[in-house]
mmCIF file of all heavy atoms, coordinates in Angstrom:
data_MODEL
# 
_entry.id   MODEL 
# 
loop_
_atom_site.group_PDB 
_atom_site.id 
_atom_site.type_symbol 
_atom_site.label_atom_id 
_atom_site.label_alt_id 
_atom_site.label_comp_id 
_atom_site.label_asym_id 
_atom_site.label_entity_id 
_atom_site.label_seq_id 
_atom_site.pdbx_PDB_ins_code 
_atom_site.Cartn_x 
_atom_site.Cartn_y 
_atom_site.Cartn_z 
_atom_site.occupancy 
_atom_site.B_iso_or_equiv 
_atom_site.pdbx_formal_charge 
_atom_site.auth_seq_id 
_atom_site.auth_comp_id 
_atom_site.auth_asym_id 
_atom_site.auth_atom_id 
_atom_site.pdbx_PDB_model_num 
ATOM 1   N N   . THR A 1 1  ? -4.187  -4.388  -14.176 1.00 0.00 ? 1  THR A N   1 
ATOM 2   C CA  . THR A 1 1  ? -5.015  -3.577  -13.206 1.00 0.00 ? 1  THR A CA  1 
ATOM 3   C C   . THR A 1 1  ? -6.268  -4.301  -12.858 1.00 0.00 ? 1  THR A C   1 
ATOM 4   O O   . THR A 1 1  ? -7.311  -3.674  -12.565 1.00 0.00 ? 1  THR A O   1 
ATOM 5   C CB  . THR A 1 1  ? -5.343  -2.217  -13.835 1.00 0.00 ? 1  THR A CB  1 
ATOM 6   O OG1 . THR A 1 1  ? -6.173  -2.460  -14.997 1.00 0.00 ? 1  THR A OG1 1 
ATOM 7   C CG2 . THR A 1 1  ? -4.125  -1.477  -14.361 1.00 0.00 ? 1  THR A CG2 1 
ATOM 8   N N   . SER A 1 2  ? -6.174  -5.630  -12.814 1.00 0.00 ? 2  SER A N   1 
ATOM 9   C CA  . SER A 1 2  ? -7.314  -6.501  -12.519 1.00 0.00 ? 2  SER A CA  1 
ATOM 10  C C   . SER A 1 2  ? -7.817  -6.323  -11.060 1.00 0.00 ? 2  SER A C   1 
ATOM 11  O O   . SER A 1 2  ? -7.160  -5.832  -10.227 1.00 0.00 ? 2  SER A O   1 
ATOM 12  C CB  . SER A 1 2  ? -7.024  -7.949  -12.755 1.00 0.00 ? 2  SER A CB  1 
ATOM 13  O OG  . SER A 1 2  ? -5.970  -8.423  -11.812 1.00 0.00 ? 2  SER A OG  1 
ATOM 14  N N   . THR A 1 3  ? -9.085  -6.724  -10.827 1.00 0.00 ? 3  THR A N   1 
ATOM 15  C CA  . THR A 1 3  ? -9.628  -6.791  -9.503  1.00 0.00 ? 3  THR A CA  1 
ATOM 16  C C   . THR A 1 3  ? -8.758  -7.620  -8.528  1.00 0.00 ? 3  THR A C   1 
ATOM 17  O O   . THR A 1 3  ? -8.595  -7.240  -7.324  1.00 0.00 ? 3  THR A O   1 
ATOM 18  C CB  . THR A 1 3  ? -11.092 -7.329  -9.542  1.00 0.00 ? 3  THR A CB  1 
ATOM 19  O OG1 . THR A 1 3  ? -11.802 -6.608  -10.403 1.00 0.00 ? 3  THR A OG1 1 
ATOM 20  C CG2 . THR A 1 3  ? -11.681 -7.328  -8.145  1.00 0.00 ? 3  THR A CG2 1 
ATOM 21  N N   . LYS A 1 4  ? -8.235  -8.726  -9.019  1.00 0.00 ? 4  LYS A N   1 
ATOM 22  C CA  . LYS A 1 4  ? -7.378  -9.517  -8.202  1.00 0.00 ? 4  LYS A CA  1 
ATOM 23  C C   . LYS A 1 4  ? -6.076  -8.843  -7.786  1.00 0.00 ? 4  LYS A C   1 
ATOM 24  O O   . LYS A 1 4  ? -5.649  -8.857  -6.614  1.00 0.00 ? 4  LYS A O   1 
ATOM 25  C CB  . LYS A 1 4  ? -7.038  -10.791 -8.985  1.00 0.00 ? 4  LYS A CB  1 
ATOM 26  C CG  . LYS A 1 4  ? -6.160  -11.821 -8.240  1.00 0.00 ? 4  LYS A CG  1 
ATOM 27  C CD  . LYS A 1 4  ? -5.921  -13.063 -9.076  1.00 0.00 ? 4  LYS A CD  1 
ATOM 28  C CE  . LYS A 1 4  ? -4.984  -14.094 -8.306  1.00 0.00 ? 4  LYS A CE  1 
ATOM 29  N NZ  . LYS A 1 4  ? -4.782  -15.296 -9.100  1.00 0.00 ? 4  LYS A NZ  1 
ATOM 30  N N   . LYS A 1 5  ? -5.537  -8.054  -8.720  1.00 0.00 ? 5  LYS A N   1 
ATOM 31  C CA  . LYS A 1 5  ? -4.292  -7.287  -8.418  1.00 0.00 ? 5  LYS A CA  1 
ATOM 32  C C   . LYS A 1 5  ? -4.660  -6.194  -7.413  1.00 0.00 ? 5  LYS A C   1 
ATOM 33  O O   . LYS A 1 5  ? -3.879  -5.961  -6.480  1.00 0.00 ? 5  LYS A O   1 
ATOM 34  C CB  . LYS A 1 5  ? -3.767  -6.575  -9.712  1.00 0.00 ? 5  LYS A CB  1 
ATOM 35  C CG  . LYS A 1 5  ? -2.574  -5.745  -9.551  1.00 0.00 ? 5  LYS A CG  1 
ATOM 36  C CD  . LYS A 1 5  ? -1.300  -6.581  -9.594  1.00 0.00 ? 5  LYS A CD  1 
ATOM 37  C CE  . LYS A 1 5  ? -0.953  -7.029  -11.024 1.00 0.00 ? 5  LYS A CE  1 
ATOM 38  N NZ  . LYS A 1 5  ? 0.254   -7.815  -11.068 1.00 0.00 ? 5  LYS A NZ  1 
ATOM 39  N N   . LEU A 1 6  ? -5.770  -5.561  -7.612  1.00 0.00 ? 6  LEU A N   1 
ATOM 40  C CA  . LEU A 1 6  ? -6.242  -4.540  -6.681  1.00 0.00 ? 6  LEU A CA  1 
ATOM 41  C C   . LEU A 1 6  ? -6.409  -5.027  -5.248  1.00 0.00 ? 6  LEU A C   1 
ATOM 42  O O   . LEU A 1 6  ? -5.922  -4.426  -4.273  1.00 0.00 ? 6  LEU A O   1 
ATOM 43  C CB  . LEU A 1 6  ? -7.528  -3.919  -7.193  1.00 0.00 ? 6  LEU A CB  1 
ATOM 44  C CG  . LEU A 1 6  ? -8.039  -2.650  -6.527  1.00 0.00 ? 6  LEU A CG  1 
ATOM 45  C CD1 . LEU A 1 6  ? -7.040  -1.485  -6.642  1.00 0.00 ? 6  LEU A CD1 1 
ATOM 46  C CD2 . LEU A 1 6  ? -9.410  -2.233  -7.068  1.00 0.00 ? 6  LEU A CD2 1 
ATOM 47  N N   . LYS A 1 7  ? -7.076  -6.167  -5.123  1.00 0.00 ? 7  LYS A N   1 
ATOM 48  C CA  . LYS A 1 7  ? -7.278  -6.763  -3.830  1.00 0.00 ? 7  LYS A CA  1 
ATOM 49  C C   . LYS A 1 7  ? -5.919  -7.075  -3.111  1.00 0.00 ? 7  LYS A C   1 
ATOM 50  O O   . LYS A 1 7  ? -5.756  -6.872  -1.986  1.00 0.00 ? 7  LYS A O   1 
ATOM 51  C CB  . LYS A 1 7  ? -8.113  -7.991  -3.955  1.00 0.00 ? 7  LYS A CB  1 
ATOM 52  C CG  . LYS A 1 7  ? -8.512  -8.695  -2.583  1.00 0.00 ? 7  LYS A CG  1 
ATOM 53  C CD  . LYS A 1 7  ? -9.287  -9.877  -2.733  1.00 0.00 ? 7  LYS A CD  1 
ATOM 54  C CE  . LYS A 1 7  ? -9.679  -10.519 -1.373  1.00 0.00 ? 7  LYS A CE  1 
ATOM 55  N NZ  . LYS A 1 7  ? -8.478  -10.750 -0.542  1.00 0.00 ? 7  LYS A NZ  1 
ATOM 56  N N   . LYS A 1 8  ? -5.021  -7.676  -3.921  1.00 0.00 ? 8  LYS A N   1 
ATOM 57  C CA  . LYS A 1 8  ? -3.760  -8.047  -3.365  1.00 0.00 ? 8  LYS A CA  1 
ATOM 58  C C   . LYS A 1 8  ? -2.981  -6.858  -2.872  1.00 0.00 ? 8  LYS A C   1 
ATOM 59  O O   . LYS A 1 8  ? -2.318  -6.834  -1.859  1.00 0.00 ? 8  LYS A O   1 
ATOM 60  C CB  . LYS A 1 8  ? -2.897  -8.876  -4.421  1.00 0.00 ? 8  LYS A CB  1 
ATOM 61  C CG  . LYS A 1 8  ? -1.651  -9.453  -3.851  1.00 0.00 ? 8  LYS A CG  1 
ATOM 62  C CD  . LYS A 1 8  ? -1.135  -10.527 -4.725  1.00 0.00 ? 8  LYS A CD  1 
ATOM 63  C CE  . LYS A 1 8  ? 0.015   -11.213 -3.984  1.00 0.00 ? 8  LYS A CE  1 
ATOM 64  N NZ  . LYS A 1 8  ? 0.465   -12.409 -4.779  1.00 0.00 ? 8  LYS A NZ  1 
ATOM 65  N N   . GLY A 1 9  ? -3.085  -5.703  -3.615  1.00 0.00 ? 9  GLY A N   1 
ATOM 66  C CA  . GLY A 1 9  ? -2.417  -4.493  -3.228  1.00 0.00 ? 9  GLY A CA  1 
ATOM 67  C C   . GLY A 1 9  ? -3.045  -3.867  -1.985  1.00 0.00 ? 9  GLY A C   1 
ATOM 68  O O   . GLY A 1 9  ? -2.296  -3.405  -1.111  1.00 0.00 ? 9  GLY A O   1 
ATOM 69  N N   . VAL A 1 10 ? -4.341  -3.940  -1.816  1.00 0.00 ? 10 VAL A N   1 
ATOM 70  C CA  . VAL A 1 10 ? -5.018  -3.457  -0.602  1.00 0.00 ? 10 VAL A CA  1 
ATOM 71  C C   . VAL A 1 10 ? -4.543  -4.288  0.585   1.00 0.00 ? 10 VAL A C   1 
ATOM 72  O O   . VAL A 1 10 ? -4.254  -3.758  1.693   1.00 0.00 ? 10 VAL A O   1 
ATOM 73  C CB  . VAL A 1 10 ? -6.518  -3.550  -0.760  1.00 0.00 ? 10 VAL A CB  1 
ATOM 74  C CG1 . VAL A 1 10 ? -7.208  -3.202  0.567   1.00 0.00 ? 10 VAL A CG1 1 
ATOM 75  C CG2 . VAL A 1 10 ? -6.969  -2.528  -1.823  1.00 0.00 ? 10 VAL A CG2 1 
ATOM 76  N N   . ASP A 1 11 ? -4.473  -5.581  0.422   1.00 0.00 ? 11 ASP A N   1 
ATOM 77  C CA  . ASP A 1 11 ? -4.017  -6.464  1.516   1.00 0.00 ? 11 ASP A CA  1 
ATOM 78  C C   . ASP A 1 11 ? -2.601  -6.115  1.930   1.00 0.00 ? 11 ASP A C   1 
ATOM 79  O O   . ASP A 1 11 ? -2.208  -6.098  3.072   1.00 0.00 ? 11 ASP A O   1 
ATOM 80  C CB  . ASP A 1 11 ? -4.116  -7.930  1.140   1.00 0.00 ? 11 ASP A CB  1 
ATOM 81  C CG  . ASP A 1 11 ? -5.528  -8.410  1.042   1.00 0.00 ? 11 ASP A CG  1 
ATOM 82  O OD1 . ASP A 1 11 ? -6.453  -7.740  1.623   1.00 0.00 ? 11 ASP A OD1 1 
ATOM 83  O OD2 . ASP A 1 11 ? -5.794  -9.429  0.420   1.00 0.00 ? 11 ASP A OD2 1 
ATOM 84  N N   . PHE A 1 12 ? -1.693  -5.874  0.885   1.00 0.00 ? 12 PHE A N   1 
ATOM 85  C CA  . PHE A 1 12 ? -0.277  -5.562  1.136   1.00 0.00 ? 12 PHE A CA  1 
ATOM 86  C C   . PHE A 1 12 ? -0.189  -4.289  1.889   1.00 0.00 ? 12 PHE A C   1 
ATOM 87  O O   . PHE A 1 12 ? 0.583   -4.144  2.868   1.00 0.00 ? 12 PHE A O   1 
ATOM 88  C CB  . PHE A 1 12 ? 0.445   -5.450  -0.174  1.00 0.00 ? 12 PHE A CB  1 
ATOM 89  C CG  . PHE A 1 12 ? 1.957   -5.143  0.022   1.00 0.00 ? 12 PHE A CG  1 
ATOM 90  C CD1 . PHE A 1 12 ? 2.838   -6.172  0.296   1.00 0.00 ? 12 PHE A CD1 1 
ATOM 91  C CD2 . PHE A 1 12 ? 2.356   -3.880  -0.013  1.00 0.00 ? 12 PHE A CD2 1 
ATOM 92  C CE1 . PHE A 1 12 ? 4.198   -5.921  0.455   1.00 0.00 ? 12 PHE A CE1 1 
ATOM 93  C CE2 . PHE A 1 12 ? 3.715   -3.543  0.148   1.00 0.00 ? 12 PHE A CE2 1 
ATOM 94  C CZ  . PHE A 1 12 ? 4.665   -4.604  0.443   1.00 0.00 ? 12 PHE A CZ  1 
ATOM 95  N N   . TYR A 1 13 ? -1.036  -3.340  1.535   1.00 0.00 ? 13 TYR A N   1 
ATOM 96  C CA  . TYR A 1 13 ? -1.069  -1.982  2.212   1.00 0.00 ? 13 TYR A CA  1 
ATOM 97  C C   . TYR A 1 13 ? -1.476  -2.146  3.662   1.00 0.00 ? 13 TYR A C   1 
ATOM 98  O O   . TYR A 1 13 ? -0.796  -1.545  4.580   1.00 0.00 ? 13 TYR A O   1 
ATOM 99  C CB  . TYR A 1 13 ? -1.941  -1.030  1.497   1.00 0.00 ? 13 TYR A CB  1 
ATOM 100 C CG  . TYR A 1 13 ? -2.151  0.258   2.288   1.00 0.00 ? 13 TYR A CG  1 
ATOM 101 C CD1 . TYR A 1 13 ? -1.115  1.174   2.359   1.00 0.00 ? 13 TYR A CD1 1 
ATOM 102 C CD2 . TYR A 1 13 ? -3.376  0.507   2.927   1.00 0.00 ? 13 TYR A CD2 1 
ATOM 103 C CE1 . TYR A 1 13 ? -1.268  2.379   3.096   1.00 0.00 ? 13 TYR A CE1 1 
ATOM 104 C CE2 . TYR A 1 13 ? -3.478  1.677   3.657   1.00 0.00 ? 13 TYR A CE2 1 
ATOM 105 C CZ  . TYR A 1 13 ? -2.475  2.584   3.760   1.00 0.00 ? 13 TYR A CZ  1 
ATOM 106 O OH  . TYR A 1 13 ? -2.596  3.778   4.483   1.00 0.00 ? 13 TYR A OH  1 
ATOM 107 N N   . LYS A 1 14 ? -2.484  -2.921  3.929   1.00 0.00 ? 14 LYS A N   1 
ATOM 108 C CA  . LYS A 1 14 ? -2.937  -3.148  5.346   1.00 0.00 ? 14 LYS A CA  1 
ATOM 109 C C   . LYS A 1 14 ? -1.791  -3.715  6.184   1.00 0.00 ? 14 LYS A C   1 
ATOM 110 O O   . LYS A 1 14 ? -1.718  -3.349  7.353   1.00 0.00 ? 14 LYS A O   1 
ATOM 111 C CB  . LYS A 1 14 ? -4.174  -4.048  5.304   1.00 0.00 ? 14 LYS A CB  1 
ATOM 112 C CG  . LYS A 1 14 ? -5.405  -3.351  4.787   1.00 0.00 ? 14 LYS A CG  1 
ATOM 113 C CD  . LYS A 1 14 ? -6.574  -4.362  4.762   1.00 0.00 ? 14 LYS A CD  1 
ATOM 114 C CE  . LYS A 1 14 ? -7.822  -3.739  4.220   1.00 0.00 ? 14 LYS A CE  1 
ATOM 115 N NZ  . LYS A 1 14 ? -8.948  -4.695  4.135   1.00 0.00 ? 14 LYS A NZ  1 
ATOM 116 N N   . ASN A 1 15 ? -1.021  -4.573  5.575   1.00 0.00 ? 15 ASN A N   1 
ATOM 117 C CA  . ASN A 1 15 ? 0.068   -5.243  6.358   1.00 0.00 ? 15 ASN A CA  1 
ATOM 118 C C   . ASN A 1 15 ? 1.300   -4.369  6.454   1.00 0.00 ? 15 ASN A C   1 
ATOM 119 O O   . ASN A 1 15 ? 2.182   -4.636  7.335   1.00 0.00 ? 15 ASN A O   1 
ATOM 120 C CB  . ASN A 1 15 ? 0.436   -6.571  5.710   1.00 0.00 ? 15 ASN A CB  1 
ATOM 121 C CG  . ASN A 1 15 ? -0.674  -7.581  5.854   1.00 0.00 ? 15 ASN A CG  1 
ATOM 122 O OD1 . ASN A 1 15 ? -1.461  -7.590  6.797   1.00 0.00 ? 15 ASN A OD1 1 
ATOM 123 N ND2 . ASN A 1 15 ? -0.805  -8.443  4.822   1.00 0.00 ? 15 ASN A ND2 1 
ATOM 124 N N   . ASN A 1 16 ? 1.391   -3.318  5.667   1.00 0.00 ? 16 ASN A N   1 
ATOM 125 C CA  . ASN A 1 16 ? 2.636   -2.459  5.638   1.00 0.00 ? 16 ASN A CA  1 
ATOM 126 C C   . ASN A 1 16 ? 2.267   -0.976  5.692   1.00 0.00 ? 16 ASN A C   1 
ATOM 127 O O   . ASN A 1 16 ? 3.046   -0.168  5.290   1.00 0.00 ? 16 ASN A O   1 
ATOM 128 C CB  . ASN A 1 16 ? 3.417   -2.741  4.387   1.00 0.00 ? 16 ASN A CB  1 
ATOM 129 C CG  . ASN A 1 16 ? 3.930   -4.127  4.323   1.00 0.00 ? 16 ASN A CG  1 
ATOM 130 O OD1 . ASN A 1 16 ? 4.974   -4.507  4.806   1.00 0.00 ? 16 ASN A OD1 1 
ATOM 131 N ND2 . ASN A 1 16 ? 3.142   -5.008  3.621   1.00 0.00 ? 16 ASN A ND2 1 
ATOM 132 N N   . SER A 1 17 ? 1.078   -0.643  6.239   1.00 0.00 ? 17 SER A N   1 
ATOM 133 C CA  . SER A 1 17 ? 0.669   0.802   6.184   1.00 0.00 ? 17 SER A CA  1 
ATOM 134 C C   . SER A 1 17 ? 1.538   1.734   6.928   1.00 0.00 ? 17 SER A C   1 
ATOM 135 O O   . SER A 1 17 ? 1.733   2.865   6.431   1.00 0.00 ? 17 SER A O   1 
ATOM 136 C CB  . SER A 1 17 ? -0.805  0.815   6.734   1.00 0.00 ? 17 SER A CB  1 
ATOM 137 O OG  . SER A 1 17 ? -0.874  0.411   8.089   1.00 0.00 ? 17 SER A OG  1 
ATOM 138 N N   . THR A 1 18 ? 2.102   1.360   8.040   1.00 0.00 ? 18 THR A N   1 
ATOM 139 C CA  . THR A 1 18 ? 2.984   2.277   8.774   1.00 0.00 ? 18 THR A CA  1 
ATOM 140 C C   . THR A 1 18 ? 4.171   2.651   7.970   1.00 0.00 ? 18 THR A C   1 
ATOM 141 O O   . THR A 1 18 ? 4.429   3.884   7.834   1.00 0.00 ? 18 THR A O   1 
ATOM 142 C CB  . THR A 1 18 ? 3.474   1.624   10.087  1.00 0.00 ? 18 THR A CB  1 
ATOM 143 O OG1 . THR A 1 18 ? 2.337   1.263   10.862  1.00 0.00 ? 18 THR A OG1 1 
ATOM 144 C CG2 . THR A 1 18 ? 4.306   2.535   10.901  1.00 0.00 ? 18 THR A CG2 1 
ATOM 145 N N   . LEU A 1 19 ? 4.805   1.745   7.316   1.00 0.00 ? 19 LEU A N   1 
ATOM 146 C CA  . LEU A 1 19 ? 5.972   2.013   6.487   1.00 0.00 ? 19 LEU A CA  1 
ATOM 147 C C   . LEU A 1 19 ? 5.578   2.874   5.213   1.00 0.00 ? 19 LEU A C   1 
ATOM 148 O O   . LEU A 1 19 ? 6.168   3.874   4.982   1.00 0.00 ? 19 LEU A O   1 
ATOM 149 C CB  . LEU A 1 19 ? 6.627   0.699   5.974   1.00 0.00 ? 19 LEU A CB  1 
ATOM 150 C CG  . LEU A 1 19 ? 7.566   0.837   4.844   1.00 0.00 ? 19 LEU A CG  1 
ATOM 151 C CD1 . LEU A 1 19 ? 8.861   1.524   5.259   1.00 0.00 ? 19 LEU A CD1 1 
ATOM 152 C CD2 . LEU A 1 19 ? 7.938   -0.546  4.248   1.00 0.00 ? 19 LEU A CD2 1 
ATOM 153 N N   . ILE A 1 20 ? 4.508   2.436   4.587   1.00 0.00 ? 20 ILE A N   1 
ATOM 154 C CA  . ILE A 1 20 ? 4.104   3.064   3.339   1.00 0.00 ? 20 ILE A CA  1 
ATOM 155 C C   . ILE A 1 20 ? 3.690   4.514   3.575   1.00 0.00 ? 20 ILE A C   1 
ATOM 156 O O   . ILE A 1 20 ? 4.032   5.448   2.803   1.00 0.00 ? 20 ILE A O   1 
ATOM 157 C CB  . ILE A 1 20 ? 2.972   2.260   2.613   1.00 0.00 ? 20 ILE A CB  1 
ATOM 158 C CG1 . ILE A 1 20 ? 3.500   0.911   2.176   1.00 0.00 ? 20 ILE A CG1 1 
ATOM 159 C CG2 . ILE A 1 20 ? 2.383   2.991   1.485   1.00 0.00 ? 20 ILE A CG2 1 
ATOM 160 C CD1 . ILE A 1 20 ? 2.513   -0.080  1.676   1.00 0.00 ? 20 ILE A CD1 1 
ATOM 161 N N   . ASN A 1 21 ? 2.943   4.780   4.678   1.00 0.00 ? 21 ASN A N   1 
ATOM 162 C CA  . ASN A 1 21 ? 2.470   6.131   4.981   1.00 0.00 ? 21 ASN A CA  1 
ATOM 163 C C   . ASN A 1 21 ? 3.641   6.994   5.328   1.00 0.00 ? 21 ASN A C   1 
ATOM 164 O O   . ASN A 1 21 ? 3.661   8.193   4.940   1.00 0.00 ? 21 ASN A O   1 
ATOM 165 C CB  . ASN A 1 21 ? 1.424   6.091   6.116   1.00 0.00 ? 21 ASN A CB  1 
ATOM 166 C CG  . ASN A 1 21 ? 0.139   5.510   5.699   1.00 0.00 ? 21 ASN A CG  1 
ATOM 167 O OD1 . ASN A 1 21 ? -0.198  5.470   4.527   1.00 0.00 ? 21 ASN A OD1 1 
ATOM 168 N ND2 . ASN A 1 21 ? -0.620  4.946   6.663   1.00 0.00 ? 21 ASN A ND2 1 
ATOM 169 N N   . LEU A 1 22 ? 4.607   6.449   6.048   1.00 0.00 ? 22 LEU A N   1 
ATOM 170 C CA  . LEU A 1 22 ? 5.804   7.212   6.437   1.00 0.00 ? 22 LEU A CA  1 
ATOM 171 C C   . LEU A 1 22 ? 6.625   7.620   5.228   1.00 0.00 ? 22 LEU A C   1 
ATOM 172 O O   . LEU A 1 22 ? 7.157   8.756   5.062   1.00 0.00 ? 22 LEU A O   1 
ATOM 173 C CB  . LEU A 1 22 ? 6.666   6.421   7.432   1.00 0.00 ? 22 LEU A CB  1 
ATOM 174 C CG  . LEU A 1 22 ? 7.843   7.130   8.045   1.00 0.00 ? 22 LEU A CG  1 
ATOM 175 C CD1 . LEU A 1 22 ? 7.400   8.368   8.771   1.00 0.00 ? 22 LEU A CD1 1 
ATOM 176 C CD2 . LEU A 1 22 ? 8.586   6.197   8.926   1.00 0.00 ? 22 LEU A CD2 1 
ATOM 177 N N   . VAL A 1 23 ? 6.790   6.665   4.279   1.00 0.00 ? 23 VAL A N   1 
ATOM 178 C CA  . VAL A 1 23 ? 7.523   6.926   3.078   1.00 0.00 ? 23 VAL A CA  1 
ATOM 179 C C   . VAL A 1 23 ? 6.837   8.024   2.228   1.00 0.00 ? 23 VAL A C   1 
ATOM 180 O O   . VAL A 1 23 ? 7.471   8.933   1.702   1.00 0.00 ? 23 VAL A O   1 
ATOM 181 C CB  . VAL A 1 23 ? 7.720   5.568   2.249   1.00 0.00 ? 23 VAL A CB  1 
ATOM 182 C CG1 . VAL A 1 23 ? 8.222   5.955   0.872   1.00 0.00 ? 23 VAL A CG1 1 
ATOM 183 C CG2 . VAL A 1 23 ? 8.712   4.701   2.946   1.00 0.00 ? 23 VAL A CG2 1 
ATOM 184 N N   . GLU A 1 24 ? 5.510   7.872   2.165   1.00 0.00 ? 24 GLU A N   1 
ATOM 185 C CA  . GLU A 1 24 ? 4.768   8.949   1.444   1.00 0.00 ? 24 GLU A CA  1 
ATOM 186 C C   . GLU A 1 24 ? 4.993   10.312  2.018   1.00 0.00 ? 24 GLU A C   1 
ATOM 187 O O   . GLU A 1 24 ? 5.221   11.276  1.325   1.00 0.00 ? 24 GLU A O   1 
ATOM 188 C CB  . GLU A 1 24 ? 3.285   8.584   1.396   1.00 0.00 ? 24 GLU A CB  1 
ATOM 189 C CG  . GLU A 1 24 ? 2.399   9.671   0.755   1.00 0.00 ? 24 GLU A CG  1 
ATOM 190 C CD  . GLU A 1 24 ? 0.932   9.377   0.799   1.00 0.00 ? 24 GLU A CD  1 
ATOM 191 O OE1 . GLU A 1 24 ? 0.479   8.947   1.881   1.00 0.00 ? 24 GLU A OE1 1 
ATOM 192 O OE2 . GLU A 1 24 ? 0.261   9.690   -0.165  1.00 0.00 ? 24 GLU A OE2 1 
ATOM 193 N N   . LYS A 1 25 ? 4.963   10.432  3.309   1.00 0.00 ? 25 LYS A N   1 
ATOM 194 C CA  . LYS A 1 25 ? 5.197   11.656  4.018   1.00 0.00 ? 25 LYS A CA  1 
ATOM 195 C C   . LYS A 1 25 ? 6.587   12.198  3.806   1.00 0.00 ? 25 LYS A C   1 
ATOM 196 O O   . LYS A 1 25 ? 6.797   13.410  3.549   1.00 0.00 ? 25 LYS A O   1 
ATOM 197 C CB  . LYS A 1 25 ? 4.899   11.503  5.527   1.00 0.00 ? 25 LYS A CB  1 
ATOM 198 C CG  . LYS A 1 25 ? 5.088   12.737  6.375   1.00 0.00 ? 25 LYS A CG  1 
ATOM 199 C CD  . LYS A 1 25 ? 4.795   12.493  7.777   1.00 0.00 ? 25 LYS A CD  1 
ATOM 200 C CE  . LYS A 1 25 ? 5.093   13.752  8.634   1.00 0.00 ? 25 LYS A CE  1 
ATOM 201 N NZ  . LYS A 1 25 ? 4.880   13.469  10.131  1.00 0.00 ? 25 LYS A NZ  1 
ATOM 202 N N   . ASN A 1 26 ? 7.585   11.361  3.871   1.00 0.00 ? 26 ASN A N   1 
ATOM 203 C CA  . ASN A 1 26 ? 9.010   11.797  3.796   1.00 0.00 ? 26 ASN A CA  1 
ATOM 204 C C   . ASN A 1 26 ? 9.470   12.141  2.369   1.00 0.00 ? 26 ASN A C   1 
ATOM 205 O O   . ASN A 1 26 ? 10.307  12.976  2.202   1.00 0.00 ? 26 ASN A O   1 
ATOM 206 C CB  . ASN A 1 26 ? 9.881   10.699  4.369   1.00 0.00 ? 26 ASN A CB  1 
ATOM 207 C CG  . ASN A 1 26 ? 9.778   10.589  5.899   1.00 0.00 ? 26 ASN A CG  1 
ATOM 208 O OD1 . ASN A 1 26 ? 9.282   11.474  6.529   1.00 0.00 ? 26 ASN A OD1 1 
ATOM 209 N ND2 . ASN A 1 26 ? 10.197  9.435   6.452   1.00 0.00 ? 26 ASN A ND2 1 
ATOM 210 N N   . PHE A 1 27 ? 8.835   11.456  1.380   1.00 0.00 ? 27 PHE A N   1 
ATOM 211 C CA  . PHE A 1 27 ? 9.327   11.688  0.039   1.00 0.00 ? 27 PHE A CA  1 
ATOM 212 C C   . PHE A 1 27 ? 8.325   12.385  -0.895  1.00 0.00 ? 27 PHE A C   1 
ATOM 213 O O   . PHE A 1 27 ? 8.671   12.677  -2.079  1.00 0.00 ? 27 PHE A O   1 
ATOM 214 C CB  . PHE A 1 27 ? 9.758   10.344  -0.567  1.00 0.00 ? 27 PHE A CB  1 
ATOM 215 C CG  . PHE A 1 27 ? 10.952  9.706   0.118   1.00 0.00 ? 27 PHE A CG  1 
ATOM 216 C CD1 . PHE A 1 27 ? 10.771  8.816   1.174   1.00 0.00 ? 27 PHE A CD1 1 
ATOM 217 C CD2 . PHE A 1 27 ? 12.275  10.012  -0.279  1.00 0.00 ? 27 PHE A CD2 1 
ATOM 218 C CE1 . PHE A 1 27 ? 11.802  8.223   1.792   1.00 0.00 ? 27 PHE A CE1 1 
ATOM 219 C CE2 . PHE A 1 27 ? 13.352  9.442   0.337   1.00 0.00 ? 27 PHE A CE2 1 
ATOM 220 C CZ  . PHE A 1 27 ? 13.139  8.568   1.423   1.00 0.00 ? 27 PHE A CZ  1 
ATOM 221 N N   . GLY A 1 28 ? 7.125   12.593  -0.440  1.00 0.00 ? 28 GLY A N   1 
ATOM 222 C CA  . GLY A 1 28 ? 6.111   13.317  -1.228  1.00 0.00 ? 28 GLY A CA  1 
ATOM 223 C C   . GLY A 1 28 ? 5.717   12.534  -2.488  1.00 0.00 ? 28 GLY A C   1 
ATOM 224 O O   . GLY A 1 28 ? 5.385   13.124  -3.555  1.00 0.00 ? 28 GLY A O   1 
# 
């Protein structure tokens, strides 16, 4: 759960936010 891991995850989310938000909505 390092700062490096956190930053990489935030970057991944920014590049895939449309997909990730839609999956969150559809599957709860």
